Amino acid sequence: ISRSGDGTYFGTSYADFVSGRFTISRDNAKNTV
């Protein structure tokens, strides 16, 4: 997942084997991905 907070967010990327099963997300307020 891209860095964020400075207007340069470019999204996410997944390996092909994930096939929609996994989701990455981040919470910058909690410093957690």
Full PDB file with SEQRES, HELIX, SHEET, SSBOND, CRYST1, ORIGX, SCALE, CONECT and MASTER records, all heavy atoms in Angstrom:
SEQRES   1 A   33  ILE SER ARG SER GLY ASP GLY THR TYR PHE GLY THR SER          
SEQRES   2 A   33  TYR ALA ASP PHE VAL SER GLY ARG PHE THR ILE SER ARG          
SEQRES   3 A   33  ASP ASN ALA LYS ASN THR VAL                                  
HELIX    1 AA1 ASP A   16  VAL A   18  5                                   3    
HELIX    2 AA2 ASN A   28  LYS A   30  5                                   3    
CRYST1    1.000    1.000    1.000  90.00  90.00  90.00 P 1           1          
ORIGX1      1.000000  0.000000  0.000000        0.00000                         
ORIGX2      0.000000  1.000000  0.000000        0.00000                         
ORIGX3      0.000000  0.000000  1.000000        0.00000                         
SCALE1      1.000000  0.000000  0.000000        0.00000                         
SCALE2      0.000000  1.000000  0.000000        0.00000                         
SCALE3      0.000000  0.000000  1.000000        0.00000                         
ATOM      1  N   ILE A   1       0.844  -1.193   0.000  1.00  0.00           N  
ATOM      2  CA  ILE A   1       0.000   0.000   0.000  1.00  0.00           C  
ATOM      3  C   ILE A   1       0.871   1.232   0.000  1.00  0.00           C  
ATOM      4  O   ILE A   1       1.910   1.295   0.657  1.00  0.00           O  
ATOM      5  CB  ILE A   1      -0.978  -0.014   1.198  1.00  0.00           C  
ATOM      6  CG1 ILE A   1      -1.987   1.131   1.099  1.00  0.00           C  
ATOM      7  CG2 ILE A   1      -0.221   0.031   2.521  1.00  0.00           C  
ATOM      8  CD1 ILE A   1      -3.165   0.973   2.078  1.00  0.00           C  
ATOM      9  N   SER A   2       0.440   2.197  -0.761  1.00  0.00           N  
ATOM     10  CA  SER A   2       1.184   3.435  -0.913  1.00  0.00           C  
ATOM     11  C   SER A   2       1.310   4.201   0.386  1.00  0.00           C  
ATOM     12  O   SER A   2       0.489   4.063   1.296  1.00  0.00           O  
ATOM     13  CB  SER A   2       0.439   4.309  -1.926  1.00  0.00           C  
ATOM     14  OG  SER A   2       0.902   5.628  -1.925  1.00  0.00           O  
ATOM     15  N   ARG A   3       2.348   5.038   0.466  1.00  0.00           N  
ATOM     16  CA  ARG A   3       2.384   6.040   1.521  1.00  0.00           C  
ATOM     17  C   ARG A   3       1.211   6.993   1.299  1.00  0.00           C  
ATOM     18  O   ARG A   3       0.614   7.039   0.221  1.00  0.00           O  
ATOM     19  CB  ARG A   3       3.693   6.828   1.489  1.00  0.00           C  
ATOM     20  CG  ARG A   3       3.905   7.655   0.244  1.00  0.00           C  
ATOM     21  CD  ARG A   3       5.226   8.408   0.313  1.00  0.00           C  
ATOM     22  NE  ARG A   3       5.429   9.269  -0.822  1.00  0.00           N  
ATOM     23  CZ  ARG A   3       6.080   8.924  -1.900  1.00  0.00           C  
ATOM     24  NH1 ARG A   3       6.587   7.695  -1.992  1.00  0.00           N  
ATOM     25  NH2 ARG A   3       6.244   9.789  -2.879  1.00  0.00           N  
ATOM     26  N   SER A   4       0.880   7.764   2.305  1.00  0.00           N  
ATOM     27  CA  SER A   4      -0.250   8.673   2.188  1.00  0.00           C  
ATOM     28  C   SER A   4      -0.018   9.875   3.093  1.00  0.00           C  
ATOM     29  O   SER A   4       0.921   9.906   3.877  1.00  0.00           O  
ATOM     30  CB  SER A   4      -1.549   7.964   2.570  1.00  0.00           C  
ATOM     31  OG  SER A   4      -1.506   7.548   3.922  1.00  0.00           O  
ATOM     32  N   GLY A   5      -0.871  10.857   2.951  1.00  0.00           N  
ATOM     33  CA  GLY A   5      -0.783  12.024   3.812  1.00  0.00           C  
ATOM     34  C   GLY A   5      -0.109  13.212   3.165  1.00  0.00           C  
ATOM     35  O   GLY A   5      -0.163  14.309   3.684  1.00  0.00           O  
ATOM     36  N   ASP A   6       0.529  13.008   2.020  1.00  0.00           N  
ATOM     37  CA  ASP A   6       1.199  14.128   1.351  1.00  0.00           C  
ATOM     38  C   ASP A   6       0.680  14.318  -0.068  1.00  0.00           C  
ATOM     39  O   ASP A   6       1.322  14.964  -0.881  1.00  0.00           O  
ATOM     40  CB  ASP A   6       2.721  13.916   1.327  1.00  0.00           C  
ATOM     41  CG  ASP A   6       3.120  12.667   0.565  1.00  0.00           C  
ATOM     42  OD1 ASP A   6       2.215  11.889   0.180  1.00  0.00           O  
ATOM     43  OD2 ASP A   6       4.326  12.455   0.346  1.00  0.00           O  
ATOM     44  N   GLY A   7      -0.477  13.759  -0.353  1.00  0.00           N  
ATOM     45  CA  GLY A   7      -1.079  13.927  -1.671  1.00  0.00           C  
ATOM     46  C   GLY A   7      -0.520  13.040  -2.745  1.00  0.00           C  
ATOM     47  O   GLY A   7      -0.841  13.200  -3.922  1.00  0.00           O  
ATOM     48  N   THR A   8       0.325  12.061  -2.375  1.00  0.00           N  
ATOM     49  CA  THR A   8       0.967  11.230  -3.387  1.00  0.00           C  
ATOM     50  C   THR A   8       0.470   9.791  -3.356  1.00  0.00           C  
ATOM     51  O   THR A   8       1.124   8.900  -3.848  1.00  0.00           O  
ATOM     52  CB  THR A   8       2.487  11.228  -3.191  1.00  0.00           C  
ATOM     53  OG1 THR A   8       2.793  10.691  -1.899  1.00  0.00           O  
ATOM     54  CG2 THR A   8       3.048  12.619  -3.329  1.00  0.00           C  
ATOM     55  N   TYR A   9      -0.681   9.546  -2.783  1.00  0.00           N  
ATOM     56  CA  TYR A   9      -1.191   8.182  -2.663  1.00  0.00           C  
ATOM     57  C   TYR A   9      -1.372   7.565  -4.037  1.00  0.00           C  
ATOM     58  O   TYR A   9      -1.975   8.161  -4.938  1.00  0.00           O  
ATOM     59  CB  TYR A   9      -2.531   8.196  -1.923  1.00  0.00           C  
ATOM     60  CG  TYR A   9      -3.120   6.824  -1.693  1.00  0.00           C  
ATOM     61  CD1 TYR A   9      -2.632   6.003  -0.698  1.00  0.00           C  
ATOM     62  CD2 TYR A   9      -4.170   6.362  -2.487  1.00  0.00           C  
ATOM     63  CE1 TYR A   9      -3.159   4.740  -0.486  1.00  0.00           C  
ATOM     64  CE2 TYR A   9      -4.708   5.107  -2.282  1.00  0.00           C  
ATOM     65  CZ  TYR A   9      -4.203   4.301  -1.277  1.00  0.00           C  
ATOM     66  OH  TYR A   9      -4.724   3.053  -1.077  1.00  0.00           O  
ATOM     67  N   PHE A  10      -0.819   6.359  -4.241  1.00  0.00           N  
ATOM     68  CA  PHE A  10      -0.939   5.702  -5.544  1.00  0.00           C  
ATOM     69  C   PHE A  10      -1.570   4.338  -5.463  1.00  0.00           C  
ATOM     70  O   PHE A  10      -1.526   3.560  -6.428  1.00  0.00           O  
ATOM     71  CB  PHE A  10       0.422   5.616  -6.259  1.00  0.00           C  
ATOM     72  CG  PHE A  10       1.534   5.023  -5.443  1.00  0.00           C  
ATOM     73  CD1 PHE A  10       1.668   3.660  -5.292  1.00  0.00           C  
ATOM     74  CD2 PHE A  10       2.448   5.852  -4.831  1.00  0.00           C  
ATOM     75  CE1 PHE A  10       2.701   3.119  -4.527  1.00  0.00           C  
ATOM     76  CE2 PHE A  10       3.487   5.331  -4.070  1.00  0.00           C  
ATOM     77  CZ  PHE A  10       3.612   3.959  -3.915  1.00  0.00           C  
ATOM     78  N   GLY A  11      -2.162   4.017  -4.310  1.00  0.00           N  
ATOM     79  CA  GLY A  11      -2.987   2.822  -4.261  1.00  0.00           C  
ATOM     80  C   GLY A  11      -2.323   1.602  -3.673  1.00  0.00           C  
ATOM     81  O   GLY A  11      -1.386   1.685  -2.876  1.00  0.00           O  
ATOM     82  N   THR A  12      -2.837   0.451  -4.077  1.00  0.00           N  
ATOM     83  CA  THR A  12      -2.406  -0.826  -3.536  1.00  0.00           C  
ATOM     84  C   THR A  12      -1.973  -1.761  -4.662  1.00  0.00           C  
ATOM     85  O   THR A  12      -2.242  -1.518  -5.845  1.00  0.00           O  
ATOM     86  CB  THR A  12      -3.538  -1.491  -2.741  1.00  0.00           C  
ATOM     87  OG1 THR A  12      -4.661  -1.677  -3.610  1.00  0.00           O  
ATOM     88  CG2 THR A  12      -3.969  -0.637  -1.560  1.00  0.00           C  
ATOM     89  N   SER A  13      -1.313  -2.827  -4.251  1.00  0.00           N  
ATOM     90  CA  SER A  13      -0.907  -3.853  -5.200  1.00  0.00           C  
ATOM     91  C   SER A  13      -0.992  -5.202  -4.500  1.00  0.00           C  
ATOM     92  O   SER A  13      -0.730  -5.304  -3.294  1.00  0.00           O  
ATOM     93  CB  SER A  13       0.527  -3.594  -5.684  1.00  0.00           C  
ATOM     94  OG  SER A  13       0.931  -4.575  -6.618  1.00  0.00           O  
ATOM     95  N   TYR A  14      -1.374  -6.215  -5.265  1.00  0.00           N  
ATOM     96  CA  TYR A  14      -1.521  -7.558  -4.703  1.00  0.00           C  
ATOM     97  C   TYR A  14      -0.847  -8.584  -5.613  1.00  0.00           C  
ATOM     98  O   TYR A  14      -0.831  -8.435  -6.837  1.00  0.00           O  
ATOM     99  CB  TYR A  14      -3.004  -7.928  -4.566  1.00  0.00           C  
ATOM    100  CG  TYR A  14      -3.751  -7.100  -3.565  1.00  0.00           C  
ATOM    101  CD1 TYR A  14      -4.437  -5.954  -3.960  1.00  0.00           C  
ATOM    102  CD2 TYR A  14      -3.773  -7.460  -2.220  1.00  0.00           C  
ATOM    103  CE1 TYR A  14      -5.122  -5.184  -3.035  1.00  0.00           C  
ATOM    104  CE2 TYR A  14      -4.461  -6.701  -1.290  1.00  0.00           C  
ATOM    105  CZ  TYR A  14      -5.134  -5.560  -1.708  1.00  0.00           C  
ATOM    106  OH  TYR A  14      -5.814  -4.795  -0.783  1.00  0.00           O  
ATOM    107  N   ALA A  15      -0.335  -9.628  -4.986  1.00  0.00           N  
ATOM    108  CA  ALA A  15       0.185 -10.745  -5.757  1.00  0.00           C  
ATOM    109  C   ALA A  15      -0.967 -11.456  -6.450  1.00  0.00           C  
ATOM    110  O   ALA A  15      -2.112 -11.432  -5.969  1.00  0.00           O  
ATOM    111  CB  ALA A  15       0.913 -11.716  -4.840  1.00  0.00           C  
ATOM    112  N   ASP A  16      -0.676 -12.064  -7.565  1.00  0.00           N  
ATOM    113  CA  ASP A  16      -1.725 -12.743  -8.333  1.00  0.00           C  
ATOM    114  C   ASP A  16      -2.407 -13.831  -7.514  1.00  0.00           C  
ATOM    115  O   ASP A  16      -3.623 -14.053  -7.639  1.00  0.00           O  
ATOM    116  CB  ASP A  16      -1.129 -13.344  -9.604  1.00  0.00           C  
ATOM    117  CG  ASP A  16      -0.707 -12.278 -10.606  1.00  0.00           C  
ATOM    118  OD1 ASP A  16      -1.147 -11.115 -10.456  1.00  0.00           O  
ATOM    119  OD2 ASP A  16       0.057 -12.609 -11.527  1.00  0.00           O  
ATOM    120  N   PHE A  17      -1.679 -14.510  -6.669  1.00  0.00           N  
ATOM    121  CA  PHE A  17      -2.268 -15.633  -5.934  1.00  0.00           C  
ATOM    122  C   PHE A  17      -3.285 -15.166  -4.883  1.00  0.00           C  
ATOM    123  O   PHE A  17      -4.056 -15.968  -4.365  1.00  0.00           O  
ATOM    124  CB  PHE A  17      -1.184 -16.485  -5.264  1.00  0.00           C  
ATOM    125  CG  PHE A  17      -0.360 -15.779  -4.222  1.00  0.00           C  
ATOM    126  CD1 PHE A  17      -0.867 -15.518  -2.965  1.00  0.00           C  
ATOM    127  CD2 PHE A  17       0.926 -15.369  -4.517  1.00  0.00           C  
ATOM    128  CE1 PHE A  17      -0.112 -14.870  -2.004  1.00  0.00           C  
ATOM    129  CE2 PHE A  17       1.697 -14.714  -3.566  1.00  0.00           C  
ATOM    130  CZ  PHE A  17       1.170 -14.461  -2.315  1.00  0.00           C  
ATOM    131  N   VAL A  18      -3.297 -13.883  -4.585  1.00  0.00           N  
ATOM    132  CA  VAL A  18      -4.270 -13.374  -3.612  1.00  0.00           C  
ATOM    133  C   VAL A  18      -5.691 -13.526  -4.152  1.00  0.00           C  
ATOM    134  O   VAL A  18      -6.610 -13.876  -3.415  1.00  0.00           O  
ATOM    135  CB  VAL A  18      -3.949 -11.909  -3.267  1.00  0.00           C  
ATOM    136  CG1 VAL A  18      -5.092 -11.279  -2.488  1.00  0.00           C  
ATOM    137  CG2 VAL A  18      -2.658 -11.831  -2.457  1.00  0.00           C  
ATOM    138  N   SER A  19      -5.871 -13.234  -5.438  1.00  0.00           N  
ATOM    139  CA  SER A  19      -7.156 -13.474  -6.119  1.00  0.00           C  
ATOM    140  C   SER A  19      -8.346 -12.912  -5.355  1.00  0.00           C  
ATOM    141  O   SER A  19      -9.387 -13.570  -5.223  1.00  0.00           O  
ATOM    142  CB  SER A  19      -7.361 -14.981  -6.357  1.00  0.00           C  
ATOM    143  OG  SER A  19      -6.336 -15.503  -7.163  1.00  0.00           O  
ATOM    144  N   GLY A  20      -8.192 -11.705  -4.826  1.00  0.00           N  
ATOM    145  CA  GLY A  20      -9.308 -11.053  -4.155  1.00  0.00           C  
ATOM    146  C   GLY A  20      -9.567 -11.524  -2.741  1.00  0.00           C  
ATOM    147  O   GLY A  20     -10.524 -11.066  -2.106  1.00  0.00           O  
ATOM    148  N   ARG A  21      -8.747 -12.407  -2.207  1.00  0.00           N  
ATOM    149  CA  ARG A  21      -8.997 -12.942  -0.874  1.00  0.00           C  
ATOM    150  C   ARG A  21      -8.437 -12.059   0.248  1.00  0.00           C  
ATOM    151  O   ARG A  21      -8.923 -12.120   1.383  1.00  0.00           O  
ATOM    152  CB  ARG A  21      -8.358 -14.340  -0.776  1.00  0.00           C  
ATOM    153  CG  ARG A  21      -8.914 -15.341  -1.769  1.00  0.00           C  
ATOM    154  CD  ARG A  21      -8.253 -16.695  -1.624  1.00  0.00           C  
ATOM    155  NE  ARG A  21      -6.809 -16.631  -1.900  1.00  0.00           N  
ATOM    156  CZ  ARG A  21      -5.876 -17.083  -1.077  1.00  0.00           C  
ATOM    157  NH1 ARG A  21      -6.205 -17.636   0.072  1.00  0.00           N  
ATOM    158  NH2 ARG A  21      -4.591 -16.995  -1.397  1.00  0.00           N  
ATOM    159  N   PHE A  22      -7.402 -11.274  -0.052  1.00  0.00           N  
ATOM    160  CA  PHE A  22      -6.736 -10.464   0.978  1.00  0.00           C  
ATOM    161  C   PHE A  22      -6.975  -8.986   0.710  1.00  0.00           C  
ATOM    162  O   PHE A  22      -7.120  -8.550  -0.435  1.00  0.00           O  
ATOM    163  CB  PHE A  22      -5.223 -10.712   0.959  1.00  0.00           C  
ATOM    164  CG  PHE A  22      -4.786 -12.120   1.259  1.00  0.00           C  
ATOM    165  CD1 PHE A  22      -3.445 -12.450   1.165  1.00  0.00           C  
ATOM    166  CD2 PHE A  22      -5.675 -13.112   1.633  1.00  0.00           C  
ATOM    167  CE1 PHE A  22      -2.987 -13.732   1.435  1.00  0.00           C  
ATOM    168  CE2 PHE A  22      -5.260 -14.402   1.900  1.00  0.00           C  
ATOM    169  CZ  PHE A  22      -3.909 -14.705   1.799  1.00  0.00           C  
ATOM    170  N   THR A  23      -6.968  -8.209   1.792  1.00  0.00           N  
ATOM    171  CA  THR A  23      -7.081  -6.759   1.679  1.00  0.00           C  
ATOM    172  C   THR A  23      -6.060  -6.098   2.597  1.00  0.00           C  
ATOM    173  O   THR A  23      -6.020  -6.401   3.793  1.00  0.00           O  
ATOM    174  CB  THR A  23      -8.486  -6.276   2.064  1.00  0.00           C  
ATOM    175  OG1 THR A  23      -9.462  -6.917   1.233  1.00  0.00           O  
ATOM    176  CG2 THR A  23      -8.591  -4.769   1.886  1.00  0.00           C  
ATOM    177  N   ILE A  24      -5.271  -5.216   2.014  1.00  0.00           N  
ATOM    178  CA  ILE A  24      -4.323  -4.442   2.818  1.00  0.00           C  
ATOM    179  C   ILE A  24      -4.917  -3.071   3.092  1.00  0.00           C  
ATOM    180  O   ILE A  24      -5.580  -2.482   2.223  1.00  0.00           O  
ATOM    181  CB  ILE A  24      -2.950  -4.333   2.108  1.00  0.00           C  
ATOM    182  CG1 ILE A  24      -1.911  -3.697   3.041  1.00  0.00           C  
ATOM    183  CG2 ILE A  24      -3.063  -3.577   0.786  1.00  0.00           C  
ATOM    184  CD1 ILE A  24      -0.483  -3.758   2.492  1.00  0.00           C  
ATOM    185  N   SER A  25      -4.689  -2.570   4.292  1.00  0.00           N  
ATOM    186  CA  SER A  25      -5.167  -1.239   4.651  1.00  0.00           C  
ATOM    187  C   SER A  25      -4.220  -0.650   5.684  1.00  0.00           C  
ATOM    188  O   SER A  25      -3.390  -1.355   6.258  1.00  0.00           O  
ATOM    189  CB  SER A  25      -6.596  -1.305   5.206  1.00  0.00           C  
ATOM    190  OG  SER A  25      -6.631  -2.090   6.387  1.00  0.00           O  
ATOM    191  N   ARG A  26      -4.345   0.637   5.885  1.00  0.00           N  
ATOM    192  CA  ARG A  26      -3.485   1.298   6.863  1.00  0.00           C  
ATOM    193  C   ARG A  26      -4.284   2.314   7.657  1.00  0.00           C  
ATOM    194  O   ARG A  26      -5.241   2.903   7.142  1.00  0.00           O  
ATOM    195  CB  ARG A  26      -2.287   1.972   6.186  1.00  0.00           C  
ATOM    196  CG  ARG A  26      -2.616   3.131   5.261  1.00  0.00           C  
ATOM    197  CD  ARG A  26      -1.375   3.579   4.475  1.00  0.00           C  
ATOM    198  NE  ARG A  26      -0.321   4.017   5.383  1.00  0.00           N  
ATOM    199  CZ  ARG A  26       0.960   4.060   5.045  1.00  0.00           C  
ATOM    200  NH1 ARG A  26       1.343   3.701   3.827  1.00  0.00           N  
ATOM    201  NH2 ARG A  26       1.864   4.483   5.916  1.00  0.00           N  
ATOM    202  N   ASP A  27      -3.876   2.520   8.889  1.00  0.00           N  
ATOM    203  CA  ASP A  27      -4.467   3.524   9.759  1.00  0.00           C  
ATOM    204  C   ASP A  27      -3.307   4.382  10.257  1.00  0.00           C  
ATOM    205  O   ASP A  27      -2.584   3.985  11.179  1.00  0.00           O  
ATOM    206  CB  ASP A  27      -5.208   2.857  10.921  1.00  0.00           C  
ATOM    207  CG  ASP A  27      -5.939   3.846  11.791  1.00  0.00           C  
ATOM    208  OD1 ASP A  27      -5.566   5.037  11.786  1.00  0.00           O  
ATOM    209  OD2 ASP A  27      -6.868   3.436  12.492  1.00  0.00           O  
ATOM    210  N   ASN A  28      -3.115   5.522   9.645  1.00  0.00           N  
ATOM    211  CA  ASN A  28      -1.972   6.363   9.998  1.00  0.00           C  
ATOM    212  C   ASN A  28      -2.075   6.912  11.412  1.00  0.00           C  
ATOM    213  O   ASN A  28      -1.059   7.176  12.054  1.00  0.00           O  
ATOM    214  CB  ASN A  28      -1.835   7.507   8.996  1.00  0.00           C  
ATOM    215  CG  ASN A  28      -1.390   7.020   7.630  1.00  0.00           C  
ATOM    216  OD1 ASN A  28      -0.788   5.948   7.491  1.00  0.00           O  
ATOM    217  ND2 ASN A  28      -1.715   7.791   6.598  1.00  0.00           N  
ATOM    218  N   ALA A  29      -3.285   7.086  11.902  1.00  0.00           N  
ATOM    219  CA  ALA A  29      -3.452   7.583  13.275  1.00  0.00           C  
ATOM    220  C   ALA A  29      -2.951   6.572  14.296  1.00  0.00           C  
ATOM    221  O   ALA A  29      -2.534   6.949  15.390  1.00  0.00           O  
ATOM    222  CB  ALA A  29      -4.920   7.915  13.529  1.00  0.00           C  
ATOM    223  N   LYS A  30      -2.990   5.292  13.910  1.00  0.00           N  
ATOM    224  CA  LYS A  30      -2.531   4.233  14.809  1.00  0.00           C  
ATOM    225  C   LYS A  30      -1.169   3.678  14.415  1.00  0.00           C  
ATOM    226  O   LYS A  30      -0.694   2.722  15.023  1.00  0.00           O  
ATOM    227  CB  LYS A  30      -3.554   3.103  14.842  1.00  0.00           C  
ATOM    228  CG  LYS A  30      -4.904   3.504  15.410  1.00  0.00           C  
ATOM    229  CD  LYS A  30      -5.859   2.316  15.466  1.00  0.00           C  
ATOM    230  CE  LYS A  30      -7.183   2.714  16.089  1.00  0.00           C  
ATOM    231  NZ  LYS A  30      -8.135   1.568  16.145  1.00  0.00           N  
ATOM    232  N   ASN A  31      -0.575   4.249  13.374  1.00  0.00           N  
ATOM    233  CA  ASN A  31       0.723   3.744  12.894  1.00  0.00           C  
ATOM    234  C   ASN A  31       0.678   2.246  12.626  1.00  0.00           C  
ATOM    235  O   ASN A  31       1.614   1.504  12.969  1.00  0.00           O  
ATOM    236  CB  ASN A  31       1.844   4.045  13.904  1.00  0.00           C  
ATOM    237  CG  ASN A  31       2.354   5.473  13.811  1.00  0.00           C  
ATOM    238  OD1 ASN A  31       1.712   6.321  13.204  1.00  0.00           O  
ATOM    239  ND2 ASN A  31       3.491   5.732  14.415  1.00  0.00           N  
ATOM    240  N   THR A  32      -0.380   1.804  11.990  1.00  0.00           N  
ATOM    241  CA  THR A  32      -0.592   0.366  11.805  1.00  0.00           C  
ATOM    242  C   THR A  32      -1.044   0.059  10.384  1.00  0.00           C  
ATOM    243  O   THR A  32      -1.846   0.803   9.812  1.00  0.00           O  
ATOM    244  CB  THR A  32      -1.625  -0.156  12.814  1.00  0.00           C  
ATOM    245  OG1 THR A  32      -1.169   0.108  14.145  1.00  0.00           O  
ATOM    246  CG2 THR A  32      -1.825  -1.659  12.660  1.00  0.00           C  
ATOM    247  N   VAL A  33      -0.520  -1.030   9.860  1.00  0.00           N  
ATOM    248  CA  VAL A  33      -0.981  -1.561   8.585  1.00  0.00           C  
ATOM    249  C   VAL A  33      -1.565  -2.945   8.847  1.00  0.00           C  
ATOM    250  O   VAL A  33      -1.086  -3.677   9.717  1.00  0.00           O  
ATOM    251  CB  VAL A  33       0.155  -1.604   7.542  1.00  0.00           C  
ATOM    252  CG1 VAL A  33       1.263  -2.549   7.971  1.00  0.00           C  
ATOM    253  CG2 VAL A  33      -0.370  -1.991   6.177  1.00  0.00           C  
TER     254      VAL A  33                                                      
MASTER        0    0    0    2    0    0    0    6  253    1    0    3          
END                                                                             
